[in-house]
Amino acid sequence: MRKLKISTVLPLIGLLILTSAMCTNAIGQVPVKQGNPVPVNFCISPNVMELYKMINDYRQQYALPAVPLSKSLCYVAALHVKDLSLHHPDQGPCNFHSWSGKSFWKPFCYPRDENKKNSVWDKPRELTTYPSRAYEIVYWENNPLLTDTIIMVWKTEDYFNSFLLNSGKWQGKQWNALGIAVYENYACAWFGEVTDPEGVASVCGTIPEMAVKDTLKPAPIVKKPKINKVKPIKPDTLVSKPVDIPLPEPAAPVVSNDTAQKMYYIIVKTNLSMEVATKLVNTLKAKDFPDAKVITKDEKIRLSVFQSPTKSVAMTKLKEVKKTYKDAWLYKN
């Protein structure tokens, strides 16, 4: 009988051991090839940290523990919002949880490709050293996102809220890792039950960063502006702001469609539900836009922050509003 050389047998034994190790894991999930550690120069922007704090503040109101900010899940979230914004894999039967075939990850059309052996929730394990599945919520609107808008929608819609408060389908689960990213018109959050071995994500500019080649560019470092010699301001250039604005009434004013006089409205949000629009308009009223209103016409709900019967007045105000909402536009009704 022909004998195998020892040099041939040893690699076979090593392969068997490796295969055996991949067949099971701590929580009995289908094995997925583990990804690489998160690039050392990865960091999150201050507005992502702000949204993270808002989520945990909201959980605290319901006596729920804070969820650690996961470096791995933040990285996965950052990759995904950029993929959604740049490549739009959410086409045809594929929804926002889908991934394109335009980069180093495996493409995935959700829910078409979802099955017991192939799950989109395995992306954290595919892309990082995170050892388990995680679950994602995604939000999009046709304007660049603000943290106030994101948290308001996530708290208002039952589907999103169930993740934030471990209610509904997620009741009894314990989140031990949370990843968040915001890019242009997209925001997403990943929730995991397993602690991230990579630890907590850092905010850009808070620690020294190393130059490492990476497919994902780090978020811009926020630098404090240089303060030069203070110049006197002419009285006629001063803009007064209201002080101690009282809290608005719970119900938001809705503009009727049968107004005889034509008005010019500055629109900052559209395609919202009435419930979300009402809460947002009250938030805007309590801040810098006391004239905020909900506009309803042609089965669409729009959010206006200013109105005037004179187009030139509205156009002047529009330039000011665009400093906060760069996609704000003028609507004649």
C-alpha atoms as a PDB file:
ATOM      1  CA  MET A   1       0.000   0.000   0.000  1.00  0.00           C
ATOM      2  CA  ARG A   2       1.261   3.468  -0.874  1.00  0.00           C
ATOM      3  CA  LYS A   3       2.154   5.574   2.151  1.00  0.00           C
ATOM      4  CA  LEU A   4       1.557   9.319   2.473  1.00  0.00           C
ATOM      5  CA  LYS A   5       4.549  11.419   3.354  1.00  0.00           C
ATOM      6  CA  ILE A   6       4.447  13.214   6.731  1.00  0.00           C
ATOM      7  CA  SER A   7       4.811  16.555   4.936  1.00  0.00           C
ATOM      8  CA  THR A   8       1.553  15.768   3.083  1.00  0.00           C
ATOM      9  CA  VAL A   9      -0.359  14.589   6.150  1.00  0.00           C
ATOM     10  CA  LEU A  10       0.387  17.606   8.349  1.00  0.00           C
ATOM     11  CA  PRO A  11      -1.227  20.202   6.047  1.00  0.00           C
ATOM     12  CA  LEU A  12      -4.287  17.931   5.776  1.00  0.00           C
ATOM     13  CA  ILE A  13      -4.551  17.797   9.591  1.00  0.00           C
ATOM     14  CA  GLY A  14      -4.204  21.575   9.809  1.00  0.00           C
ATOM     15  CA  LEU A  15      -6.949  22.014   7.224  1.00  0.00           C
ATOM     16  CA  LEU A  16      -9.266  19.675   9.137  1.00  0.00           C
ATOM     17  CA  ILE A  17      -8.674  21.603  12.387  1.00  0.00           C
ATOM     18  CA  LEU A  18      -9.378  24.930  10.656  1.00  0.00           C
ATOM     19  CA  THR A  19     -12.534  23.543   9.021  1.00  0.00           C
ATOM     20  CA  SER A  20     -13.759  22.186  12.329  1.00  0.00           C
ATOM     21  CA  ALA A  21     -13.199  25.541  14.028  1.00  0.00           C
ATOM     22  CA  MET A  22     -15.281  27.305  11.371  1.00  0.00           C
ATOM     23  CA  CYS A  23     -18.241  24.930  11.615  1.00  0.00           C
ATOM     24  CA  THR A  24     -19.529  26.271  14.921  1.00  0.00           C
ATOM     25  CA  ASN A  25     -19.378  29.467  16.919  1.00  0.00           C
ATOM     26  CA  ALA A  26     -20.390  30.697  20.370  1.00  0.00           C
ATOM     27  CA  ILE A  27     -23.961  31.480  19.438  1.00  0.00           C
ATOM     28  CA  GLY A  28     -24.630  28.736  16.899  1.00  0.00           C
ATOM     29  CA  GLN A  29     -24.784  30.945  13.786  1.00  0.00           C
ATOM     30  CA  VAL A  30     -23.845  29.828  10.305  1.00  0.00           C
ATOM     31  CA  PRO A  31     -20.089  30.460   9.930  1.00  0.00           C
ATOM     32  CA  VAL A  32     -18.958  33.475   7.943  1.00  0.00           C
ATOM     33  CA  LYS A  33     -15.363  34.223   7.017  1.00  0.00           C
ATOM     34  CA  GLN A  34     -14.144  36.736   9.562  1.00  0.00           C
ATOM     35  CA  GLY A  35     -13.159  40.198   8.328  1.00  0.00           C
ATOM     36  CA  ASN A  36     -10.184  42.363   9.182  1.00  0.00           C
ATOM     37  CA  PRO A  37      -9.694  44.758  12.105  1.00  0.00           C
ATOM     38  CA  VAL A  38     -11.073  48.259  11.654  1.00  0.00           C
ATOM     39  CA  PRO A  39      -8.455  50.605  10.102  1.00  0.00           C
ATOM     40  CA  VAL A  40      -6.554  52.442  12.823  1.00  0.00           C
ATOM     41  CA  ASN A  41      -7.315  55.845  11.288  1.00  0.00           C
ATOM     42  CA  PHE A  42     -11.082  55.339  11.431  1.00  0.00           C
ATOM     43  CA  CYS A  43     -13.022  57.817  13.546  1.00  0.00           C
ATOM     44  CA  ILE A  44     -16.543  59.208  13.772  1.00  0.00           C
ATOM     45  CA  SER A  45     -17.681  62.798  13.269  1.00  0.00           C
ATOM     46  CA  PRO A  46     -18.969  64.935  16.159  1.00  0.00           C
ATOM     47  CA  ASN A  47     -22.528  64.891  14.780  1.00  0.00           C
ATOM     48  CA  VAL A  48     -22.522  61.075  14.917  1.00  0.00           C
ATOM     49  CA  MET A  49     -21.434  61.257  18.546  1.00  0.00           C
ATOM     50  CA  GLU A  50     -24.235  63.747  19.173  1.00  0.00           C
ATOM     51  CA  LEU A  51     -26.800  61.336  17.689  1.00  0.00           C
ATOM     52  CA  TYR A  52     -25.354  58.494  19.787  1.00  0.00           C
ATOM     53  CA  LYS A  53     -25.817  60.549  22.961  1.00  0.00           C
ATOM     54  CA  MET A  54     -29.385  61.403  21.945  1.00  0.00           C
ATOM     55  CA  ILE A  55     -30.207  57.700  21.597  1.00  0.00           C
ATOM     56  CA  ASN A  56     -28.830  56.837  25.035  1.00  0.00           C
ATOM     57  CA  ASP A  57     -30.520  59.874  26.612  1.00  0.00           C
ATOM     58  CA  TYR A  58     -33.784  58.611  25.144  1.00  0.00           C
ATOM     59  CA  ARG A  59     -33.162  55.103  26.513  1.00  0.00           C
ATOM     60  CA  GLN A  60     -32.423  56.559  29.931  1.00  0.00           C
ATOM     61  CA  GLN A  61     -35.922  58.082  30.022  1.00  0.00           C
ATOM     62  CA  TYR A  62     -37.253  54.501  29.998  1.00  0.00           C
ATOM     63  CA  ALA A  63     -34.727  53.202  32.560  1.00  0.00           C
ATOM     64  CA  LEU A  64     -32.778  51.322  29.885  1.00  0.00           C
ATOM     65  CA  PRO A  65     -28.974  51.019  30.081  1.00  0.00           C
ATOM     66  CA  ALA A  66     -26.710  52.908  27.720  1.00  0.00           C
ATOM     67  CA  VAL A  67     -25.384  50.923  24.746  1.00  0.00           C
ATOM     68  CA  PRO A  68     -21.597  51.064  24.150  1.00  0.00           C
ATOM     69  CA  LEU A  69     -20.559  52.815  20.931  1.00  0.00           C
ATOM     70  CA  SER A  70     -18.982  50.054  18.841  1.00  0.00           C
ATOM     71  CA  LYS A  71     -15.974  50.870  16.675  1.00  0.00           C
ATOM     72  CA  SER A  72     -16.654  47.896  14.384  1.00  0.00           C
ATOM     73  CA  LEU A  73     -20.350  48.638  13.903  1.00  0.00           C
ATOM     74  CA  CYS A  74     -19.654  52.356  13.319  1.00  0.00           C
ATOM     75  CA  TYR A  75     -17.216  51.340  10.584  1.00  0.00           C
ATOM     76  CA  VAL A  76     -19.783  49.030   8.966  1.00  0.00           C
ATOM     77  CA  ALA A  77     -22.402  51.788   9.203  1.00  0.00           C
ATOM     78  CA  ALA A  78     -20.025  54.330   7.620  1.00  0.00           C
ATOM     79  CA  LEU A  79     -19.289  51.979   4.717  1.00  0.00           C
ATOM     80  CA  HIS A  80     -22.974  51.339   4.160  1.00  0.00           C
ATOM     81  CA  VAL A  81     -24.254  54.939   4.125  1.00  0.00           C
ATOM     82  CA  LYS A  82     -21.525  55.867   1.633  1.00  0.00           C
ATOM     83  CA  ASP A  83     -22.408  52.870  -0.537  1.00  0.00           C
ATOM     84  CA  LEU A  84     -26.093  53.848  -0.454  1.00  0.00           C
ATOM     85  CA  SER A  85     -25.314  57.461  -1.306  1.00  0.00           C
ATOM     86  CA  LEU A  86     -22.733  56.830  -4.023  1.00  0.00           C
ATOM     87  CA  HIS A  87     -23.909  53.588  -5.655  1.00  0.00           C
ATOM     88  CA  HIS A  88     -27.631  53.271  -4.777  1.00  0.00           C
ATOM     89  CA  PRO A  89     -27.959  49.483  -4.403  1.00  0.00           C
ATOM     90  CA  ASP A  90     -31.584  50.045  -3.261  1.00  0.00           C
ATOM     91  CA  GLN A  91     -33.044  49.518  -6.726  1.00  0.00           C
ATOM     92  CA  GLY A  92     -35.811  47.218  -7.985  1.00  0.00           C
ATOM     93  CA  PRO A  93     -36.519  44.459  -5.449  1.00  0.00           C
ATOM     94  CA  CYS A  94     -33.601  45.599  -3.247  1.00  0.00           C
ATOM     95  CA  ASN A  95     -34.264  47.923  -0.299  1.00  0.00           C
ATOM     96  CA  PHE A  96     -32.067  50.164   1.890  1.00  0.00           C
ATOM     97  CA  HIS A  97     -30.387  47.187   3.602  1.00  0.00           C
ATOM     98  CA  SER A  98     -28.776  46.168   0.295  1.00  0.00           C
ATOM     99  CA  TRP A  99     -25.096  46.511  -0.637  1.00  0.00           C
ATOM    100  CA  SER A 100     -23.691  47.188  -4.119  1.00  0.00           C
ATOM    101  CA  GLY A 101     -20.954  45.246  -5.893  1.00  0.00           C
ATOM    102  CA  LYS A 102     -18.810  48.380  -6.263  1.00  0.00           C
ATOM    103  CA  SER A 103     -16.225  47.696  -3.531  1.00  0.00           C
ATOM    104  CA  PHE A 104     -14.451  44.978  -1.522  1.00  0.00           C
ATOM    105  CA  TRP A 105     -17.553  43.532   0.173  1.00  0.00           C
ATOM    106  CA  LYS A 106     -19.940  40.929  -1.181  1.00  0.00           C
ATOM    107  CA  PRO A 107     -22.976  42.446  -2.929  1.00  0.00           C
ATOM    108  CA  PHE A 108     -26.316  41.738  -1.301  1.00  0.00           C
ATOM    109  CA  CYS A 109     -29.895  42.430  -2.427  1.00  0.00           C
ATOM    110  CA  TYR A 110     -32.178  42.510   0.600  1.00  0.00           C
ATOM    111  CA  PRO A 111     -34.602  40.788   1.043  1.00  0.00           C
ATOM    112  CA  ARG A 112     -34.170  38.787  -2.191  1.00  0.00           C
ATOM    113  CA  ASP A 113     -30.846  37.171  -1.175  1.00  0.00           C
ATOM    114  CA  GLU A 114     -31.757  36.615   2.475  1.00  0.00           C
ATOM    115  CA  ASN A 115     -31.890  32.974   3.659  1.00  0.00           C
ATOM    116  CA  LYS A 116     -30.675  30.793   6.528  1.00  0.00           C
ATOM    117  CA  LYS A 117     -27.142  30.471   5.158  1.00  0.00           C
ATOM    118  CA  ASN A 118     -26.779  33.923   3.627  1.00  0.00           C
ATOM    119  CA  SER A 119     -27.803  36.909   5.723  1.00  0.00           C
ATOM    120  CA  VAL A 120     -27.225  40.634   5.312  1.00  0.00           C
ATOM    121  CA  TRP A 121     -26.961  40.817   9.105  1.00  0.00           C
ATOM    122  CA  ASP A 122     -23.601  39.012   8.777  1.00  0.00           C
ATOM    123  CA  LYS A 123     -21.982  42.113   7.239  1.00  0.00           C
ATOM    124  CA  PRO A 124     -20.259  43.070  10.533  1.00  0.00           C
ATOM    125  CA  ARG A 125     -18.603  39.639  10.677  1.00  0.00           C
ATOM    126  CA  GLU A 126     -17.650  39.853   6.992  1.00  0.00           C
ATOM    127  CA  LEU A 127     -16.144  43.342   7.195  1.00  0.00           C
ATOM    128  CA  THR A 128     -14.674  43.447  10.723  1.00  0.00           C
ATOM    129  CA  THR A 129     -13.657  41.228  13.633  1.00  0.00           C
ATOM    130  CA  TYR A 130     -17.080  41.670  15.245  1.00  0.00           C
ATOM    131  CA  PRO A 131     -17.967  38.057  16.168  1.00  0.00           C
ATOM    132  CA  SER A 132     -21.728  38.081  15.680  1.00  0.00           C
ATOM    133  CA  ARG A 133     -24.627  39.324  13.624  1.00  0.00           C
ATOM    134  CA  ALA A 134     -26.020  42.809  14.072  1.00  0.00           C
ATOM    135  CA  TYR A 135     -29.247  44.466  12.886  1.00  0.00           C
ATOM    136  CA  GLU A 136     -29.688  47.724  11.029  1.00  0.00           C
ATOM    137  CA  ILE A 137     -32.132  50.595  10.679  1.00  0.00           C
ATOM    138  CA  VAL A 138     -31.784  53.071   7.785  1.00  0.00           C
ATOM    139  CA  TYR A 139     -33.295  56.519   7.279  1.00  0.00           C
ATOM    140  CA  TRP A 140     -33.311  58.614   4.103  1.00  0.00           C
ATOM    141  CA  GLU A 141     -34.839  61.907   3.070  1.00  0.00           C
ATOM    142  CA  ASN A 142     -34.331  64.235   0.120  1.00  0.00           C
ATOM    143  CA  ASN A 143     -32.344  66.790   2.158  1.00  0.00           C
ATOM    144  CA  PRO A 144     -28.993  66.529   3.957  1.00  0.00           C
ATOM    145  CA  LEU A 145     -29.783  65.130   7.378  1.00  0.00           C
ATOM    146  CA  LEU A 146     -29.718  66.867  10.741  1.00  0.00           C
ATOM    147  CA  THR A 147     -29.397  64.928  13.999  1.00  0.00           C
ATOM    148  CA  ASP A 148     -32.598  66.510  15.359  1.00  0.00           C
ATOM    149  CA  THR A 149     -34.549  65.177  12.374  1.00  0.00           C
ATOM    150  CA  ILE A 150     -33.041  61.686  12.545  1.00  0.00           C
ATOM    151  CA  ILE A 151     -33.750  61.126  16.239  1.00  0.00           C
ATOM    152  CA  MET A 152     -37.248  62.589  15.891  1.00  0.00           C
ATOM    153  CA  VAL A 153     -38.160  60.164  13.092  1.00  0.00           C
ATOM    154  CA  TRP A 154     -36.562  57.185  14.833  1.00  0.00           C
ATOM    155  CA  LYS A 155     -38.474  57.949  18.039  1.00  0.00           C
ATOM    156  CA  THR A 156     -41.784  58.502  16.211  1.00  0.00           C
ATOM    157  CA  GLU A 157     -41.932  55.521  13.853  1.00  0.00           C
ATOM    158  CA  ASP A 158     -42.746  52.257  15.682  1.00  0.00           C
ATOM    159  CA  TYR A 159     -40.349  50.155  13.591  1.00  0.00           C
ATOM    160  CA  PHE A 160     -37.331  52.348  14.411  1.00  0.00           C
ATOM    161  CA  ASN A 161     -38.434  52.959  17.986  1.00  0.00           C
ATOM    162  CA  SER A 162     -38.533  49.232  18.717  1.00  0.00           C
ATOM    163  CA  PHE A 163     -34.750  49.099  18.158  1.00  0.00           C
ATOM    164  CA  LEU A 164     -34.087  52.141  20.330  1.00  0.00           C
ATOM    165  CA  LEU A 165     -36.125  50.854  23.274  1.00  0.00           C
ATOM    166  CA  ASN A 166     -35.832  47.050  22.874  1.00  0.00           C
ATOM    167  CA  SER A 167     -39.580  46.791  22.385  1.00  0.00           C
ATOM    168  CA  GLY A 168     -41.766  44.716  20.052  1.00  0.00           C
ATOM    169  CA  LYS A 169     -39.690  42.110  18.240  1.00  0.00           C
ATOM    170  CA  TRP A 170     -36.588  43.142  20.209  1.00  0.00           C
ATOM    171  CA  GLN A 171     -38.141  42.957  23.657  1.00  0.00           C
ATOM    172  CA  GLY A 172     -35.951  40.928  25.974  1.00  0.00           C
ATOM    173  CA  LYS A 173     -32.831  41.489  23.854  1.00  0.00           C
ATOM    174  CA  GLN A 174     -29.873  43.333  25.312  1.00  0.00           C
ATOM    175  CA  TRP A 175     -27.843  45.561  23.004  1.00  0.00           C
ATOM    176  CA  ASN A 176     -24.143  45.550  23.858  1.00  0.00           C
ATOM    177  CA  ALA A 177     -22.879  47.317  20.742  1.00  0.00           C
ATOM    178  CA  LEU A 178     -24.201  50.239  18.685  1.00  0.00           C
ATOM    179  CA  GLY A 179     -22.790  51.651  15.455  1.00  0.00           C
ATOM    180  CA  ILE A 180     -24.009  54.865  13.801  1.00  0.00           C
ATOM    181  CA  ALA A 181     -23.161  56.778  10.619  1.00  0.00           C
ATOM    182  CA  VAL A 182     -24.591  59.791   8.779  1.00  0.00           C
ATOM    183  CA  TYR A 183     -23.659  60.726   5.211  1.00  0.00           C
ATOM    184  CA  GLU A 184     -25.471  63.199   2.952  1.00  0.00           C
ATOM    185  CA  ASN A 185     -29.123  62.000   2.808  1.00  0.00           C
ATOM    186  CA  TYR A 186     -28.614  58.698   4.645  1.00  0.00           C
ATOM    187  CA  ALA A 187     -28.316  57.651   8.274  1.00  0.00           C
ATOM    188  CA  CYS A 188     -28.099  54.151   9.700  1.00  0.00           C
ATOM    189  CA  ALA A 189     -27.580  52.430  13.035  1.00  0.00           C
ATOM    190  CA  TRP A 190     -26.446  48.854  13.721  1.00  0.00           C
ATOM    191  CA  PHE A 191     -27.432  47.073  16.949  1.00  0.00           C
ATOM    192  CA  GLY A 192     -25.563  44.015  18.245  1.00  0.00           C
ATOM    193  CA  GLU A 193     -25.996  41.741  21.257  1.00  0.00           C
ATOM    194  CA  VAL A 194     -22.286  40.905  21.557  1.00  0.00           C
ATOM    195  CA  THR A 195     -19.623  43.255  22.947  1.00  0.00           C
ATOM    196  CA  ASP A 196     -17.249  44.606  20.302  1.00  0.00           C
ATOM    197  CA  PRO A 197     -13.668  43.292  20.758  1.00  0.00           C
ATOM    198  CA  GLU A 198     -12.421  46.445  18.975  1.00  0.00           C
ATOM    199  CA  GLY A 199     -13.849  48.618  21.736  1.00  0.00           C
ATOM    200  CA  VAL A 200     -15.395  52.088  21.517  1.00  0.00           C
ATOM    201  CA  ALA A 201     -15.227  54.371  18.475  1.00  0.00           C
ATOM    202  CA  SER A 202     -13.298  57.636  18.851  1.00  0.00           C
ATOM    203  CA  VAL A 203     -14.336  61.077  17.622  1.00  0.00           C
ATOM    204  CA  CYS A 204     -12.189  62.606  14.885  1.00  0.00           C
ATOM    205  CA  GLY A 205      -9.671  65.078  16.254  1.00  0.00           C
ATOM    206  CA  THR A 206      -9.655  63.719  19.800  1.00  0.00           C
ATOM    207  CA  ILE A 207      -6.688  61.354  19.354  1.00  0.00           C
ATOM    208  CA  PRO A 208      -3.618  61.366  17.038  1.00  0.00           C
ATOM    209  CA  GLU A 209      -4.367  59.657  13.732  1.00  0.00           C
ATOM    210  CA  MET A 210      -1.976  57.514  11.692  1.00  0.00           C
ATOM    211  CA  ALA A 211      -1.813  57.747   7.918  1.00  0.00           C
ATOM    212  CA  VAL A 212      -3.040  54.379   6.689  1.00  0.00           C
ATOM    213  CA  LYS A 213      -4.213  53.468   3.207  1.00  0.00           C
ATOM    214  CA  ASP A 214      -7.897  52.676   3.447  1.00  0.00           C
ATOM    215  CA  THR A 215     -10.958  52.513   1.229  1.00  0.00           C
ATOM    216  CA  LEU A 216     -12.921  54.638   3.665  1.00  0.00           C
ATOM    217  CA  LYS A 217     -11.751  58.201   4.186  1.00  0.00           C
ATOM    218  CA  PRO A 218     -11.951  59.416   7.795  1.00  0.00           C
ATOM    219  CA  ALA A 219     -14.480  62.063   8.620  1.00  0.00           C
ATOM    220  CA  PRO A 220     -13.096  65.609   8.487  1.00  0.00           C
ATOM    221  CA  ILE A 221     -11.388  66.909  11.610  1.00  0.00           C
ATOM    222  CA  VAL A 222     -13.303  69.755  13.139  1.00  0.00           C
ATOM    223  CA  LYS A 223     -10.950  72.603  13.960  1.00  0.00           C
ATOM    224  CA  LYS A 224     -11.704  75.618  16.062  1.00  0.00           C
ATOM    225  CA  PRO A 225     -11.711  78.796  13.971  1.00  0.00           C
ATOM    226  CA  LYS A 226      -8.880  81.258  14.460  1.00  0.00           C
ATOM    227  CA  ILE A 227     -10.037  84.253  16.425  1.00  0.00           C
ATOM    228  CA  ASN A 228      -8.415  87.430  15.178  1.00  0.00           C
ATOM    229  CA  LYS A 229      -8.715  90.936  16.472  1.00  0.00           C
ATOM    230  CA  VAL A 230     -12.359  91.751  17.092  1.00  0.00           C
ATOM    231  CA  LYS A 231     -13.709  94.357  14.718  1.00  0.00           C
ATOM    232  CA  PRO A 232     -16.562  96.682  15.719  1.00  0.00           C
ATOM    233  CA  ILE A 233     -19.912  95.852  14.154  1.00  0.00           C
ATOM    234  CA  LYS A 234     -22.067  98.596  12.755  1.00  0.00           C
ATOM    235  CA  PRO A 235     -25.435  98.860  14.483  1.00  0.00           C
ATOM    236  CA  ASP A 236     -27.344  98.370  11.260  1.00  0.00           C
ATOM    237  CA  THR A 237     -25.674  94.987  10.660  1.00  0.00           C
ATOM    238  CA  LEU A 238     -26.771  93.510  13.948  1.00  0.00           C
ATOM    239  CA  VAL A 239     -29.443  90.821  13.729  1.00  0.00           C
ATOM    240  CA  SER A 240     -31.520  90.481  16.833  1.00  0.00           C
ATOM    241  CA  LYS A 241     -32.765  87.046  17.884  1.00  0.00           C
ATOM    242  CA  PRO A 242     -35.761  86.409  20.091  1.00  0.00           C
ATOM    243  CA  VAL A 243     -34.904  85.513  23.669  1.00  0.00           C
ATOM    244  CA  ASP A 244     -36.803  83.153  25.963  1.00  0.00           C
ATOM    245  CA  ILE A 245     -39.126  81.857  23.260  1.00  0.00           C
ATOM    246  CA  PRO A 246     -42.063  80.109  24.950  1.00  0.00           C
ATOM    247  CA  LEU A 247     -42.730  76.474  24.138  1.00  0.00           C
ATOM    248  CA  PRO A 248     -45.216  76.069  21.243  1.00  0.00           C
ATOM    249  CA  GLU A 249     -48.621  74.506  21.513  1.00  0.00           C
ATOM    250  CA  PRO A 250     -48.761  70.738  20.881  1.00  0.00           C
ATOM    251  CA  ALA A 251     -50.697  71.095  17.647  1.00  0.00           C
ATOM    252  CA  ALA A 252     -48.905  72.550  14.632  1.00  0.00           C
ATOM    253  CA  PRO A 253     -50.687  75.098  12.472  1.00  0.00           C
ATOM    254  CA  VAL A 254     -51.606  73.733   9.067  1.00  0.00           C
ATOM    255  CA  VAL A 255     -51.984  76.109   6.158  1.00  0.00           C
ATOM    256  CA  SER A 256     -55.241  75.813   4.315  1.00  0.00           C
ATOM    257  CA  ASN A 257     -55.184  75.284   0.565  1.00  0.00           C
ATOM    258  CA  ASP A 258     -57.965  77.738  -0.197  1.00  0.00           C
ATOM    259  CA  THR A 259     -55.988  80.858   0.700  1.00  0.00           C
ATOM    260  CA  ALA A 260     -56.932  83.640  -1.691  1.00  0.00           C
ATOM    261  CA  GLN A 261     -53.610  85.487  -1.529  1.00  0.00           C
ATOM    262  CA  LYS A 262     -50.587  83.839  -3.094  1.00  0.00           C
ATOM    263  CA  MET A 263     -47.758  83.221  -0.653  1.00  0.00           C
ATOM    264  CA  TYR A 264     -44.105  82.259  -1.015  1.00  0.00           C
ATOM    265  CA  TYR A 265     -42.969  79.585   1.433  1.00  0.00           C
ATOM    266  CA  ILE A 266     -39.433  78.436   2.232  1.00  0.00           C
ATOM    267  CA  ILE A 267     -39.582  74.627   2.350  1.00  0.00           C
ATOM    268  CA  VAL A 268     -36.945  72.680   4.287  1.00  0.00           C
ATOM    269  CA  LYS A 269     -38.551  69.242   4.581  1.00  0.00           C
ATOM    270  CA  THR A 270     -41.004  67.237   2.505  1.00  0.00           C
ATOM    271  CA  ASN A 271     -42.449  63.713   2.190  1.00  0.00           C
ATOM    272  CA  LEU A 272     -43.032  63.452   5.947  1.00  0.00           C
ATOM    273  CA  SER A 273     -45.917  61.922   7.843  1.00  0.00           C
ATOM    274  CA  MET A 274     -48.212  64.427   9.549  1.00  0.00           C
ATOM    275  CA  GLU A 275     -47.169  63.108  12.965  1.00  0.00           C
ATOM    276  CA  VAL A 276     -43.465  63.636  12.270  1.00  0.00           C
ATOM    277  CA  ALA A 277     -44.057  67.007  10.573  1.00  0.00           C
ATOM    278  CA  THR A 278     -46.073  68.249  13.557  1.00  0.00           C
ATOM    279  CA  LYS A 279     -43.323  67.377  16.016  1.00  0.00           C
ATOM    280  CA  LEU A 280     -40.607  68.845  13.813  1.00  0.00           C
ATOM    281  CA  VAL A 281     -42.448  72.117  13.303  1.00  0.00           C
ATOM    282  CA  ASN A 282     -42.834  72.524  17.057  1.00  0.00           C
ATOM    283  CA  THR A 283     -39.104  71.911  17.486  1.00  0.00           C
ATOM    284  CA  LEU A 284     -38.305  74.536  14.842  1.00  0.00           C
ATOM    285  CA  LYS A 285     -40.673  77.028  16.468  1.00  0.00           C
ATOM    286  CA  ALA A 286     -38.843  76.655  19.765  1.00  0.00           C
ATOM    287  CA  LYS A 287     -35.540  77.419  18.075  1.00  0.00           C
ATOM    288  CA  ASP A 288     -34.794  79.951  15.313  1.00  0.00           C
ATOM    289  CA  PHE A 289     -37.924  79.612  13.147  1.00  0.00           C
ATOM    290  CA  PRO A 290     -41.010  80.947  14.976  1.00  0.00           C
ATOM    291  CA  ASP A 291     -42.949  81.118  11.671  1.00  0.00           C
ATOM    292  CA  ALA A 292     -42.582  77.396  10.937  1.00  0.00           C
ATOM    293  CA  LYS A 293     -45.713  75.787   9.450  1.00  0.00           C
ATOM    294  CA  VAL A 294     -46.930  72.561   7.916  1.00  0.00           C
ATOM    295  CA  ILE A 295     -48.067  72.965   4.295  1.00  0.00           C
ATOM    296  CA  THR A 296     -50.440  70.361   2.834  1.00  0.00           C
ATOM    297  CA  LYS A 297     -51.255  70.268  -0.850  1.00  0.00           C
ATOM    298  CA  ASP A 298     -51.570  67.634  -3.595  1.00  0.00           C
ATOM    299  CA  GLU A 299     -51.390  64.870  -0.963  1.00  0.00           C
ATOM    300  CA  LYS A 300     -47.906  66.031   0.045  1.00  0.00           C
ATOM    301  CA  ILE A 301     -46.810  67.334   3.413  1.00  0.00           C
ATOM    302  CA  ARG A 302     -44.138  70.043   3.428  1.00  0.00           C
ATOM    303  CA  LEU A 303     -42.433  71.904   6.247  1.00  0.00           C
ATOM    304  CA  SER A 304     -42.065  75.680   5.843  1.00  0.00           C
ATOM    305  CA  VAL A 305     -39.941  77.934   8.064  1.00  0.00           C
ATOM    306  CA  PHE A 306     -40.926  81.305   6.556  1.00  0.00           C
ATOM    307  CA  GLN A 307     -43.647  82.840   4.391  1.00  0.00           C
ATOM    308  CA  SER A 308     -44.171  86.139   2.595  1.00  0.00           C
ATOM    309  CA  PRO A 309     -46.497  87.463  -0.123  1.00  0.00           C
ATOM    310  CA  THR A 310     -43.461  89.258  -1.607  1.00  0.00           C
ATOM    311  CA  LYS A 311     -41.069  87.103  -3.615  1.00  0.00           C
ATOM    312  CA  SER A 312     -38.048  89.384  -3.094  1.00  0.00           C
ATOM    313  CA  VAL A 313     -38.507  89.215   0.701  1.00  0.00           C
ATOM    314  CA  ALA A 314     -38.783  85.435   0.574  1.00  0.00           C
ATOM    315  CA  MET A 315     -35.685  85.157  -1.639  1.00  0.00           C
ATOM    316  CA  THR A 316     -33.643  87.264   0.801  1.00  0.00           C
ATOM    317  CA  LYS A 317     -34.742  85.074   3.698  1.00  0.00           C
ATOM    318  CA  LEU A 318     -34.005  81.943   1.645  1.00  0.00           C
ATOM    319  CA  LYS A 319     -30.291  82.854   1.503  1.00  0.00           C
ATOM    320  CA  GLU A 320     -30.224  82.982   5.278  1.00  0.00           C
ATOM    321  CA  VAL A 321     -32.119  79.693   5.701  1.00  0.00           C
ATOM    322  CA  LYS A 322     -29.747  77.904   3.307  1.00  0.00           C
ATOM    323  CA  LYS A 323     -26.960  78.347   5.847  1.00  0.00           C
ATOM    324  CA  THR A 324     -28.781  75.716   7.919  1.00  0.00           C
ATOM    325  CA  TYR A 325     -30.758  73.869   5.225  1.00  0.00           C
ATOM    326  CA  LYS A 326     -28.706  74.072   2.041  1.00  0.00           C
ATOM    327  CA  ASP A 327     -31.437  72.324  -0.009  1.00  0.00           C
ATOM    328  CA  ALA A 328     -34.176  74.727   1.110  1.00  0.00           C
ATOM    329  CA  TRP A 329     -36.340  75.944  -1.777  1.00  0.00           C
ATOM    330  CA  LEU A 330     -39.100  78.428  -2.562  1.00  0.00           C
ATOM    331  CA  TYR A 331     -42.667  77.186  -2.948  1.00  0.00           C
ATOM    332  CA  LYS A 332     -45.488  79.363  -4.301  1.00  0.00           C
ATOM    333  CA  ASN A 333     -48.979  78.497  -3.103  1.00  0.00           C
END
